[in-house]
Amino acid sequence: MSGFDFENYSDGDWDQNEDLAWNEYDWQRYLRDNEREISEFLNHYHKLKHEPDHLDAIARIMGWDNEEWSPGDSAEDNSFSDDDDSERPRREGESDLDPYTIHKHPVYIVTHGLYQHLFKCWEMFTLQNQRSINPVEVGRFSASLHAGELNAVMAINALDMGDFNLTVCHLKNSLSAINHSLSLLQKLSIKNLRILNLFQAETTRTLFDLREVWLRVMNDCREEERRGADND
């Protein structure tokens, strides 16, 4: 299969741990572990983002196989080797008893991680240029980033519930938000053109990486819907 193993991301994952009673401390630990995993992804992203096929390379490093991560179109895509049976080492604090939530989904980790990077870049850019940048532009660009991330998270939640059409609809909204972000990005104007060009280039690259991930998920969702229709 060229995309996600949707059945492995279903309500069934909760059934395995339905008797597990976690307290507030357990969930706080779980969220800290998730933030560490996102930080790990970002560390690899910053090292490899200039390389071809860097998303697939990072997926391999993170231990996401082709049942968890959409490698692209096909059997012709050899980004993932069937000969590599190595497992990702268990992170400190991880347990087989840990419940499944969307925090563990590779698309959530990539999406949230890249938006963390975008918001950090935007914060630094606005602080450095606060005297020359229009406050209205600050609000509009921030809102466009927020809209993209919110719809993507809602899409991942819909994917987890097995509603592929709702997933596609939310991701279409996220793609529209990316287009809006790119449009606003080109309208930014400050005196230091070198800083502006660097910010625009980094932000554009990151937005296009998000776009690539979401398009893969949308293609897989539509394929699952076609398969379901064929089986009816």
C-alpha atoms as a PDB file:
ATOM      1  CA  MET A   1       0.000   0.000   0.000  1.00  0.00           C
ATOM      2  CA  SER A   2       1.358   3.372  -0.947  1.00  0.00           C
ATOM      3  CA  GLY A   3      -0.044   5.220   2.036  1.00  0.00           C
ATOM      4  CA  PHE A   4      -1.250   4.839   5.562  1.00  0.00           C
ATOM      5  CA  ASP A   5      -2.516   1.632   7.073  1.00  0.00           C
ATOM      6  CA  PHE A   6      -5.762   3.236   8.147  1.00  0.00           C
ATOM      7  CA  GLU A   7      -6.907   0.213  10.104  1.00  0.00           C
ATOM      8  CA  ASN A   8      -3.915   0.575  12.370  1.00  0.00           C
ATOM      9  CA  TYR A   9      -5.091   4.061  13.260  1.00  0.00           C
ATOM     10  CA  SER A  10      -8.583   3.360  14.459  1.00  0.00           C
ATOM     11  CA  ASP A  11     -10.660   3.129  17.591  1.00  0.00           C
ATOM     12  CA  GLY A  12      -9.282  -0.364  18.029  1.00  0.00           C
ATOM     13  CA  ASP A  13      -6.081   1.072  19.408  1.00  0.00           C
ATOM     14  CA  TRP A  14      -7.994   2.348  22.399  1.00  0.00           C
ATOM     15  CA  ASP A  15      -9.541  -1.060  23.092  1.00  0.00           C
ATOM     16  CA  GLN A  16      -6.168  -2.502  24.001  1.00  0.00           C
ATOM     17  CA  ASN A  17      -5.899  -0.062  26.891  1.00  0.00           C
ATOM     18  CA  GLU A  18      -9.501   0.423  27.931  1.00  0.00           C
ATOM     19  CA  ASP A  19      -8.706  -0.684  31.488  1.00  0.00           C
ATOM     20  CA  LEU A  20      -5.752   1.680  31.754  1.00  0.00           C
ATOM     21  CA  ALA A  21      -6.405   4.418  34.300  1.00  0.00           C
ATOM     22  CA  TRP A  22      -4.007   7.300  33.891  1.00  0.00           C
ATOM     23  CA  ASN A  23      -3.804  10.206  36.266  1.00  0.00           C
ATOM     24  CA  GLU A  24      -2.820  13.802  35.511  1.00  0.00           C
ATOM     25  CA  TYR A  25       0.883  13.067  36.018  1.00  0.00           C
ATOM     26  CA  ASP A  26       0.785  10.206  33.494  1.00  0.00           C
ATOM     27  CA  TRP A  27      -0.768  12.412  30.832  1.00  0.00           C
ATOM     28  CA  GLN A  28       1.663  15.232  31.514  1.00  0.00           C
ATOM     29  CA  ARG A  29       4.533  12.774  31.007  1.00  0.00           C
ATOM     30  CA  TYR A  30       2.884  11.559  27.812  1.00  0.00           C
ATOM     31  CA  LEU A  31       2.651  15.123  26.468  1.00  0.00           C
ATOM     32  CA  ARG A  32       6.261  15.856  27.391  1.00  0.00           C
ATOM     33  CA  ASP A  33       7.335  12.730  25.532  1.00  0.00           C
ATOM     34  CA  ASN A  34       5.350  13.920  22.526  1.00  0.00           C
ATOM     35  CA  GLU A  35       7.054  17.316  22.598  1.00  0.00           C
ATOM     36  CA  ARG A  36      10.426  15.552  22.679  1.00  0.00           C
ATOM     37  CA  GLU A  37       9.426  13.529  19.627  1.00  0.00           C
ATOM     38  CA  ILE A  38       8.398  16.709  17.813  1.00  0.00           C
ATOM     39  CA  SER A  39      11.722  18.297  18.774  1.00  0.00           C
ATOM     40  CA  GLU A  40      13.530  15.244  17.441  1.00  0.00           C
ATOM     41  CA  PHE A  41      11.681  15.574  14.152  1.00  0.00           C
ATOM     42  CA  LEU A  42      12.573  19.277  13.929  1.00  0.00           C
ATOM     43  CA  ASN A  43      16.235  18.570  14.637  1.00  0.00           C
ATOM     44  CA  HIS A  44      16.334  16.183  11.684  1.00  0.00           C
ATOM     45  CA  TYR A  45      14.327  18.625   9.572  1.00  0.00           C
ATOM     46  CA  HIS A  46      16.780  21.465  10.117  1.00  0.00           C
ATOM     47  CA  LYS A  47      19.689  19.200   9.172  1.00  0.00           C
ATOM     48  CA  LEU A  48      18.097  17.697   6.061  1.00  0.00           C
ATOM     49  CA  LYS A  49      15.636  20.273   4.706  1.00  0.00           C
ATOM     50  CA  HIS A  50      17.934  21.242   1.832  1.00  0.00           C
ATOM     51  CA  GLU A  51      18.300  17.638   0.683  1.00  0.00           C
ATOM     52  CA  PRO A  52      16.093  15.998  -1.980  1.00  0.00           C
ATOM     53  CA  ASP A  53      13.342  13.761  -0.574  1.00  0.00           C
ATOM     54  CA  HIS A  54      14.124  15.017   2.914  1.00  0.00           C
ATOM     55  CA  LEU A  55      10.656  14.196   4.260  1.00  0.00           C
ATOM     56  CA  ASP A  56      11.059  10.530   3.367  1.00  0.00           C
ATOM     57  CA  ALA A  57      14.592  10.486   4.766  1.00  0.00           C
ATOM     58  CA  ILE A  58      13.369  11.939   8.059  1.00  0.00           C
ATOM     59  CA  ALA A  59      10.512   9.426   8.148  1.00  0.00           C
ATOM     60  CA  ARG A  60      13.027   6.593   7.955  1.00  0.00           C
ATOM     61  CA  ILE A  61      15.133   8.100  10.734  1.00  0.00           C
ATOM     62  CA  MET A  62      12.049   8.564  12.926  1.00  0.00           C
ATOM     63  CA  GLY A  63      11.117   4.915  12.407  1.00  0.00           C
ATOM     64  CA  TRP A  64       7.896   5.570  10.486  1.00  0.00           C
ATOM     65  CA  ASP A  65       7.435   2.761   8.012  1.00  0.00           C
ATOM     66  CA  ASN A  66       5.110   2.820   5.027  1.00  0.00           C
ATOM     67  CA  GLU A  67       2.146   1.713   7.095  1.00  0.00           C
ATOM     68  CA  GLU A  68       2.486   4.884   9.165  1.00  0.00           C
ATOM     69  CA  TRP A  69       3.750   7.413   6.655  1.00  0.00           C
ATOM     70  CA  SER A  70       2.685   8.072   3.109  1.00  0.00           C
ATOM     71  CA  PRO A  71       5.773   7.566   0.933  1.00  0.00           C
ATOM     72  CA  GLY A  72       4.271   8.853  -2.253  1.00  0.00           C
ATOM     73  CA  ASP A  73       2.917   7.160  -5.259  1.00  0.00           C
ATOM     74  CA  SER A  74       3.867   3.692  -5.261  1.00  0.00           C
ATOM     75  CA  ALA A  75       5.820   0.705  -5.676  1.00  0.00           C
ATOM     76  CA  GLU A  76       8.049   2.730  -7.944  1.00  0.00           C
ATOM     77  CA  ASP A  77       8.919   4.942  -5.007  1.00  0.00           C
ATOM     78  CA  ASN A  78      11.808   3.202  -3.309  1.00  0.00           C
ATOM     79  CA  SER A  79      12.174   5.739  -0.525  1.00  0.00           C
ATOM     80  CA  PHE A  80      11.484   2.954   1.942  1.00  0.00           C
ATOM     81  CA  SER A  81      13.386  -0.273   1.695  1.00  0.00           C
ATOM     82  CA  ASP A  82      11.593  -3.517   2.426  1.00  0.00           C
ATOM     83  CA  ASP A  83      14.956  -4.932   3.442  1.00  0.00           C
ATOM     84  CA  ASP A  84      15.289  -2.592   6.388  1.00  0.00           C
ATOM     85  CA  ASP A  85      13.691  -4.403   9.308  1.00  0.00           C
ATOM     86  CA  SER A  86      15.359  -2.355  11.982  1.00  0.00           C
ATOM     87  CA  GLU A  87      13.081  -0.958  14.658  1.00  0.00           C
ATOM     88  CA  ARG A  88      13.267   2.502  16.142  1.00  0.00           C
ATOM     89  CA  PRO A  89      14.738   2.261  19.647  1.00  0.00           C
ATOM     90  CA  ARG A  90      12.128   2.846  22.305  1.00  0.00           C
ATOM     91  CA  ARG A  91      12.384   6.317  23.732  1.00  0.00           C
ATOM     92  CA  GLU A  92      12.939   6.851  27.411  1.00  0.00           C
ATOM     93  CA  GLY A  93       9.671   6.491  29.278  1.00  0.00           C
ATOM     94  CA  GLU A  94       7.869   4.756  26.420  1.00  0.00           C
ATOM     95  CA  SER A  95       5.810   1.700  27.239  1.00  0.00           C
ATOM     96  CA  ASP A  96       3.727  -0.819  25.353  1.00  0.00           C
ATOM     97  CA  LEU A  97       0.919   0.210  27.703  1.00  0.00           C
ATOM     98  CA  ASP A  98       0.926   3.804  26.499  1.00  0.00           C
ATOM     99  CA  PRO A  99      -2.437   4.555  24.881  1.00  0.00           C
ATOM    100  CA  TYR A 100      -2.750   5.641  21.278  1.00  0.00           C
ATOM    101  CA  THR A 101      -3.786   9.245  20.605  1.00  0.00           C
ATOM    102  CA  ILE A 102      -3.362  11.411  17.532  1.00  0.00           C
ATOM    103  CA  HIS A 103      -0.273  12.871  19.230  1.00  0.00           C
ATOM    104  CA  LYS A 104       1.537   9.735  18.048  1.00  0.00           C
ATOM    105  CA  HIS A 105       0.403  10.031  14.445  1.00  0.00           C
ATOM    106  CA  PRO A 106       3.330  10.911  12.162  1.00  0.00           C
ATOM    107  CA  VAL A 107       1.255  13.473  10.260  1.00  0.00           C
ATOM    108  CA  TYR A 108       0.423  15.231  13.534  1.00  0.00           C
ATOM    109  CA  ILE A 109       4.083  15.270  14.575  1.00  0.00           C
ATOM    110  CA  VAL A 110       5.155  16.692  11.194  1.00  0.00           C
ATOM    111  CA  THR A 111       2.310  19.215  11.028  1.00  0.00           C
ATOM    112  CA  HIS A 112       2.654  20.503  14.569  1.00  0.00           C
ATOM    113  CA  GLY A 113       6.443  20.528  14.330  1.00  0.00           C
ATOM    114  CA  LEU A 114       6.529  22.523  11.095  1.00  0.00           C
ATOM    115  CA  TYR A 115       3.988  25.010  12.419  1.00  0.00           C
ATOM    116  CA  GLN A 116       6.103  25.464  15.545  1.00  0.00           C
ATOM    117  CA  HIS A 117       8.961  26.314  13.211  1.00  0.00           C
ATOM    118  CA  LEU A 118       6.813  28.721  11.167  1.00  0.00           C
ATOM    119  CA  PHE A 119       5.511  30.581  14.219  1.00  0.00           C
ATOM    120  CA  LYS A 120       9.025  30.830  15.666  1.00  0.00           C
ATOM    121  CA  CYS A 121      10.375  32.256  12.402  1.00  0.00           C
ATOM    122  CA  TRP A 122       7.491  34.715  12.233  1.00  0.00           C
ATOM    123  CA  GLU A 123       8.030  35.799  15.836  1.00  0.00           C
ATOM    124  CA  MET A 124      11.726  36.451  15.247  1.00  0.00           C
ATOM    125  CA  PHE A 125      11.023  38.282  11.977  1.00  0.00           C
ATOM    126  CA  THR A 126       8.428  40.585  13.529  1.00  0.00           C
ATOM    127  CA  LEU A 127      10.586  41.327  16.581  1.00  0.00           C
ATOM    128  CA  GLN A 128      13.526  42.283  14.364  1.00  0.00           C
ATOM    129  CA  ASN A 129      11.354  44.478  12.130  1.00  0.00           C
ATOM    130  CA  GLN A 130       8.645  45.724  14.466  1.00  0.00           C
ATOM    131  CA  ARG A 131       9.185  49.361  13.490  1.00  0.00           C
ATOM    132  CA  SER A 132       8.728  48.777   9.779  1.00  0.00           C
ATOM    133  CA  ILE A 133       6.160  45.978   9.576  1.00  0.00           C
ATOM    134  CA  ASN A 134       2.442  46.764   9.459  1.00  0.00           C
ATOM    135  CA  PRO A 135       0.547  45.454  12.538  1.00  0.00           C
ATOM    136  CA  VAL A 136      -2.345  44.472  10.282  1.00  0.00           C
ATOM    137  CA  GLU A 137       0.000  42.251   8.282  1.00  0.00           C
ATOM    138  CA  VAL A 138       1.148  40.626  11.527  1.00  0.00           C
ATOM    139  CA  GLY A 139      -2.416  39.752  12.477  1.00  0.00           C
ATOM    140  CA  ARG A 140      -3.418  38.477   9.045  1.00  0.00           C
ATOM    141  CA  PHE A 141      -0.382  36.272   8.545  1.00  0.00           C
ATOM    142  CA  SER A 142      -0.645  34.824  12.056  1.00  0.00           C
ATOM    143  CA  ALA A 143      -4.331  34.067  11.463  1.00  0.00           C
ATOM    144  CA  SER A 144      -3.556  32.293   8.192  1.00  0.00           C
ATOM    145  CA  LEU A 145      -1.012  30.047   9.933  1.00  0.00           C
ATOM    146  CA  HIS A 146      -3.462  29.279  12.715  1.00  0.00           C
ATOM    147  CA  ALA A 147      -6.207  28.374  10.224  1.00  0.00           C
ATOM    148  CA  GLY A 148      -3.899  25.983   8.403  1.00  0.00           C
ATOM    149  CA  GLU A 149      -2.802  24.169  11.536  1.00  0.00           C
ATOM    150  CA  LEU A 150      -6.290  23.989  13.068  1.00  0.00           C
ATOM    151  CA  ASN A 151      -7.808  22.405   9.971  1.00  0.00           C
ATOM    152  CA  ALA A 152      -4.899  19.976   9.657  1.00  0.00           C
ATOM    153  CA  VAL A 153      -5.341  18.798  13.259  1.00  0.00           C
ATOM    154  CA  MET A 154      -9.076  18.396  12.680  1.00  0.00           C
ATOM    155  CA  ALA A 155      -8.238  16.388   9.539  1.00  0.00           C
ATOM    156  CA  ILE A 156      -5.950  14.052  11.493  1.00  0.00           C
ATOM    157  CA  ASN A 157      -8.721  13.556  14.037  1.00  0.00           C
ATOM    158  CA  ALA A 158     -11.174  12.725  11.236  1.00  0.00           C
ATOM    159  CA  LEU A 159      -8.619  10.311   9.767  1.00  0.00           C
ATOM    160  CA  ASP A 160      -8.336   8.615  13.145  1.00  0.00           C
ATOM    161  CA  MET A 161     -12.119   8.153  13.158  1.00  0.00           C
ATOM    162  CA  GLY A 162     -11.965   6.649   9.665  1.00  0.00           C
ATOM    163  CA  ASP A 163     -13.925   9.463   8.003  1.00  0.00           C
ATOM    164  CA  PHE A 164     -11.831   9.948   4.878  1.00  0.00           C
ATOM    165  CA  ASN A 165     -14.121  12.476   3.175  1.00  0.00           C
ATOM    166  CA  LEU A 166     -14.086  14.752   6.227  1.00  0.00           C
ATOM    167  CA  THR A 167     -10.305  14.417   6.321  1.00  0.00           C
ATOM    168  CA  VAL A 168     -10.076  15.589   2.708  1.00  0.00           C
ATOM    169  CA  CYS A 169     -12.419  18.537   3.352  1.00  0.00           C
ATOM    170  CA  HIS A 170     -10.374  19.774   6.313  1.00  0.00           C
ATOM    171  CA  LEU A 171      -7.129  19.375   4.386  1.00  0.00           C
ATOM    172  CA  LYS A 172      -8.581  21.332   1.474  1.00  0.00           C
ATOM    173  CA  ASN A 173      -9.224  24.129   3.987  1.00  0.00           C
ATOM    174  CA  SER A 174      -5.631  23.801   5.180  1.00  0.00           C
ATOM    175  CA  LEU A 175      -4.349  24.064   1.613  1.00  0.00           C
ATOM    176  CA  SER A 176      -6.441  27.202   1.108  1.00  0.00           C
ATOM    177  CA  ALA A 177      -4.872  28.624   4.275  1.00  0.00           C
ATOM    178  CA  ILE A 178      -1.405  27.848   2.876  1.00  0.00           C
ATOM    179  CA  ASN A 179      -2.266  29.683  -0.344  1.00  0.00           C
ATOM    180  CA  HIS A 180      -3.405  32.652   1.741  1.00  0.00           C
ATOM    181  CA  SER A 181      -0.175  32.539   3.763  1.00  0.00           C
ATOM    182  CA  LEU A 182       1.900  32.498   0.577  1.00  0.00           C
ATOM    183  CA  SER A 183      -0.046  35.426  -0.837  1.00  0.00           C
ATOM    184  CA  LEU A 184       0.444  37.478   2.337  1.00  0.00           C
ATOM    185  CA  LEU A 185       4.098  36.499   2.426  1.00  0.00           C
ATOM    186  CA  GLN A 186       4.721  38.119  -0.962  1.00  0.00           C
ATOM    187  CA  LYS A 187       3.096  41.350   0.213  1.00  0.00           C
ATOM    188  CA  LEU A 188       5.470  41.836   3.145  1.00  0.00           C
ATOM    189  CA  SER A 189       7.709  44.837   2.804  1.00  0.00           C
ATOM    190  CA  ILE A 190      10.644  45.948   4.973  1.00  0.00           C
ATOM    191  CA  LYS A 191      13.766  47.968   4.283  1.00  0.00           C
ATOM    192  CA  ASN A 192      16.212  45.101   4.773  1.00  0.00           C
ATOM    193  CA  LEU A 193      15.647  43.067   1.629  1.00  0.00           C
ATOM    194  CA  ARG A 194      18.202  40.404   2.557  1.00  0.00           C
ATOM    195  CA  ILE A 195      16.350  39.551   5.785  1.00  0.00           C
ATOM    196  CA  LEU A 196      13.033  39.634   3.946  1.00  0.00           C
ATOM    197  CA  ASN A 197      14.263  37.276   1.218  1.00  0.00           C
ATOM    198  CA  LEU A 198      15.683  34.835   3.767  1.00  0.00           C
ATOM    199  CA  PHE A 199      12.441  34.791   5.729  1.00  0.00           C
ATOM    200  CA  GLN A 200      10.317  34.368   2.613  1.00  0.00           C
ATOM    201  CA  ALA A 201      12.494  31.518   1.322  1.00  0.00           C
ATOM    202  CA  GLU A 202      12.464  29.596   4.627  1.00  0.00           C
ATOM    203  CA  THR A 203       8.737  30.078   5.153  1.00  0.00           C
ATOM    204  CA  THR A 204       7.886  29.119   1.574  1.00  0.00           C
ATOM    205  CA  ARG A 205       9.940  25.910   1.819  1.00  0.00           C
ATOM    206  CA  THR A 206       8.203  24.912   5.042  1.00  0.00           C
ATOM    207  CA  LEU A 207       4.728  25.663   3.707  1.00  0.00           C
ATOM    208  CA  PHE A 208       5.406  23.572   0.596  1.00  0.00           C
ATOM    209  CA  ASP A 209       6.575  20.682   2.780  1.00  0.00           C
ATOM    210  CA  LEU A 210       3.289  20.850   4.671  1.00  0.00           C
ATOM    211  CA  ARG A 211       1.458  20.954   1.362  1.00  0.00           C
ATOM    212  CA  GLU A 212       3.273  17.823   0.154  1.00  0.00           C
ATOM    213  CA  VAL A 213       2.394  15.858   3.289  1.00  0.00           C
ATOM    214  CA  TRP A 214      -1.280  16.821   3.150  1.00  0.00           C
ATOM    215  CA  LEU A 215      -1.600  16.035  -0.554  1.00  0.00           C
ATOM    216  CA  ARG A 216      -0.262  12.551   0.114  1.00  0.00           C
ATOM    217  CA  VAL A 217      -2.828  12.013   2.851  1.00  0.00           C
ATOM    218  CA  MET A 218      -5.634  13.311   0.630  1.00  0.00           C
ATOM    219  CA  ASN A 219      -4.617  10.961  -2.178  1.00  0.00           C
ATOM    220  CA  ASP A 220      -4.596   8.008   0.214  1.00  0.00           C
ATOM    221  CA  CYS A 221      -8.000   8.966   1.629  1.00  0.00           C
ATOM    222  CA  ARG A 222      -9.520   9.172  -1.836  1.00  0.00           C
ATOM    223  CA  GLU A 223      -7.998   5.805  -2.715  1.00  0.00           C
ATOM    224  CA  GLU A 224      -9.537   4.282   0.422  1.00  0.00           C
ATOM    225  CA  GLU A 225     -12.920   5.743  -0.521  1.00  0.00           C
ATOM    226  CA  ARG A 226     -12.632   4.254  -4.015  1.00  0.00           C
ATOM    227  CA  ARG A 227     -11.768   0.876  -2.578  1.00  0.00           C
ATOM    228  CA  GLY A 228     -14.734   1.072  -0.232  1.00  0.00           C
ATOM    229  CA  ALA A 229     -17.055   1.940  -3.109  1.00  0.00           C
ATOM    230  CA  ASP A 230     -15.693  -0.940  -5.192  1.00  0.00           C
ATOM    231  CA  ASN A 231     -16.352  -3.373  -2.355  1.00  0.00           C
ATOM    232  CA  ASP A 232     -19.981  -2.282  -1.918  1.00  0.00           C
END
